[in-house]
Structures are given as C-alpha cells and as structure tokens.
C-alpha cells in the first residue's frame, strides 16, 4: 500500500500558504507601527513608503500578468487538441513573462516622463 502524496501535500501546502500570508500581514503591521511611532530612521521610512504611483505600477504589473495567464488559458481552451496540459502551462509562463516585460517597460517610461527625461 502506497501513500498518495497529493492527499498529504495538499493540506500542508494550504496551511503553509495561509501561515506565510499571516506572517507577511503581521510583519507589515509591525513595520507600519514602528514607522508611525518614529522608532526607525529616515532611510527605512523612505523604503517602506508607497505613494499612489507605486500602487498604480504594482496594480499594472499584476494586472498584465493575470491578463497574460488568462489569455494563455483561453487559447488552450480554444485549441484543446493542439495544446495539451504541458502546452497550457508553457503558455501561462510565456504570457506571464510577457506581461512582466510590458509592465516593466511601461514603468520605465512613466519614470522617465516623471523625472523630466525625454519619453522613448
């Protein structure tokens, strides 16, 4: 009798991911409280500040990645005989990477425009 590893690893992965998200959340709260109480120097404050432009660029990046993954899944749904499961995963990585590259290019262009450089 063999152990079905999927039955063991699935709950471990779910609880591990949940625990990791809780750690990130509580670390963020602690950093925010330290900054509000002036317990850190100015350099750390600068690194943890996120203005509306930073949030916009983050949303743009993840929006492009998710659109790329959705597009890959849509293409694999339209052509199920030509694209197998491995092809779908490959397309998802490909389009997610393209989404990252496009968002990085747009962020670079926005940064140059904001800093007064010539747009390219």
Protein backbone atom coordinates (compact mmCIF):
# COMPACT_ATOMS: atom_id res chain seq x y z
CA UNK A 1 0.00 0.00 0.00
CA UNK A 2 1.48 3.28 -1.13
CA UNK A 3 0.75 6.70 0.22
CA UNK A 4 -0.93 9.10 -2.14
CA UNK A 5 1.34 12.11 -1.69
CA UNK A 6 -1.24 14.51 -3.11
CA UNK A 7 -3.50 13.76 -0.16
CA UNK A 8 -0.67 14.59 2.24
CA UNK A 9 0.88 17.57 0.47
CA UNK A 10 -2.34 19.43 -0.37
CA UNK A 11 -3.31 20.28 3.24
CA UNK A 12 0.33 21.01 4.09
CA UNK A 13 0.59 23.43 1.14
CA UNK A 14 -2.70 25.13 2.03
CA UNK A 15 -1.79 25.62 5.70
CA UNK A 16 1.74 26.66 4.75
CA UNK A 17 0.46 29.29 2.33
CA UNK A 18 -2.03 30.55 4.92
CA UNK A 19 0.71 30.79 7.55
CA UNK A 20 3.01 32.62 5.14
CA UNK A 21 0.27 35.15 4.33
CA UNK A 22 -0.31 35.73 8.05
CA UNK A 23 3.44 36.30 8.56
CA UNK A 24 3.55 38.86 5.76
CA UNK A 25 0.48 40.63 7.14
CA UNK A 26 1.80 40.85 10.70
CA UNK A 27 5.28 41.92 9.54
CA UNK A 28 3.64 44.73 7.57
CA UNK A 29 1.63 45.85 10.60
CA UNK A 30 4.70 45.84 12.83
CA UNK A 31 6.71 47.87 10.30
CA UNK A 32 3.86 50.34 9.93
CA UNK A 33 3.56 50.77 13.70
CA UNK A 34 7.32 51.30 14.06
CA UNK A 35 7.26 53.96 11.36
CA UNK A 36 4.27 55.72 12.92
CA UNK A 37 5.99 55.82 16.33
CA UNK A 38 9.26 57.12 14.81
CA UNK A 39 11.24 54.11 16.01
CA UNK A 40 13.19 53.85 12.72
CA UNK A 41 15.49 56.22 10.87
CA UNK A 42 14.59 58.16 7.71
CA UNK A 43 16.15 55.64 5.29
CA UNK A 44 13.81 52.86 6.38
CA UNK A 45 10.82 55.19 6.18
CA UNK A 46 11.74 56.00 2.59
CA UNK A 47 11.97 52.32 1.66
CA UNK A 48 8.55 51.48 3.10
CA UNK A 49 6.62 54.42 1.68
CA UNK A 50 4.32 53.66 -1.18
CA UNK A 51 2.60 56.51 -2.91
CA UNK A 52 -0.23 56.36 -5.42
CA UNK A 53 2.21 55.96 -8.32
CA UNK A 54 3.83 52.91 -6.71
CA UNK A 55 0.44 51.34 -6.10
CA UNK A 56 -0.60 52.09 -9.68
CA UNK A 57 2.53 50.46 -11.07
CA UNK A 58 2.07 47.41 -8.84
CA UNK A 59 -1.54 47.05 -9.95
CA UNK A 60 -0.47 47.49 -13.57
CA UNK A 61 2.19 44.79 -13.23
CA UNK A 62 -0.08 42.19 -11.67
CA UNK A 63 -2.95 43.10 -13.98
CA UNK A 64 -0.73 42.49 -17.01
CA UNK A 65 0.47 39.17 -15.59
CA UNK A 66 -3.06 37.97 -14.83
CA UNK A 67 -4.30 39.04 -18.26
CA UNK A 68 -1.42 37.07 -19.78
CA UNK A 69 -2.27 33.95 -17.78
CA UNK A 70 -5.95 34.30 -18.65
CA UNK A 71 -5.10 34.72 -22.32
CA UNK A 72 -2.96 31.57 -22.22
CA UNK A 73 -5.81 29.60 -20.64
CA UNK A 74 -8.27 30.99 -23.19
CA UNK A 75 -6.02 29.99 -26.08
CA UNK A 76 -5.64 26.48 -24.66
CA UNK A 77 -9.42 26.27 -24.29
CA UNK A 78 -9.93 27.31 -27.92
CA UNK A 79 -7.40 24.76 -29.22
CA UNK A 80 -7.60 21.76 -26.86
CA UNK A 81 -6.37 19.21 -29.43
CA UNK A 82 -3.31 21.20 -30.45
CA UNK A 83 -2.28 22.34 -26.96
CA UNK A 84 -2.03 19.81 -24.15
CA UNK A 85 -1.62 20.39 -20.44
CA UNK A 86 2.10 20.98 -20.80
CA UNK A 87 1.47 23.49 -23.58
CA UNK A 88 -1.03 25.34 -21.40
CA UNK A 89 1.48 25.64 -18.57
CA UNK A 90 4.15 26.78 -21.02
CA UNK A 91 1.82 29.40 -22.48
CA UNK A 92 0.92 30.62 -18.99
CA UNK A 93 4.60 31.16 -18.14
CA UNK A 94 5.25 32.74 -21.53
CA UNK A 95 2.38 35.21 -21.35
CA UNK A 96 3.04 35.99 -17.66
CA UNK A 97 6.63 36.80 -18.59
CA UNK A 98 5.47 38.99 -21.46
CA UNK A 99 3.13 40.76 -19.02
CA UNK A 100 6.05 41.40 -16.65
CA UNK A 101 8.20 42.74 -19.50
CA UNK A 102 5.48 45.05 -20.82
CA UNK A 103 4.72 46.40 -17.34
CA UNK A 104 8.45 46.97 -16.71
CA UNK A 105 8.69 48.90 -19.97
CA UNK A 106 5.67 51.00 -19.09
CA UNK A 107 7.01 51.64 -15.57
CA UNK A 108 10.34 52.73 -17.03
CA UNK A 109 8.58 55.07 -19.45
CA UNK A 110 6.42 56.53 -16.67
CA UNK A 111 9.52 57.02 -14.51
CA UNK A 112 11.35 58.84 -17.29
CA UNK A 113 8.35 61.04 -18.01
CA UNK A 114 8.03 61.92 -14.32
CA UNK A 115 11.73 62.73 -13.96
CA UNK A 116 11.66 65.10 -16.92
CA UNK A 117 13.58 62.88 -19.30
CA UNK A 118 12.60 62.56 -22.92
CA UNK A 119 9.98 59.84 -23.47
CA UNK A 120 11.21 56.98 -25.62
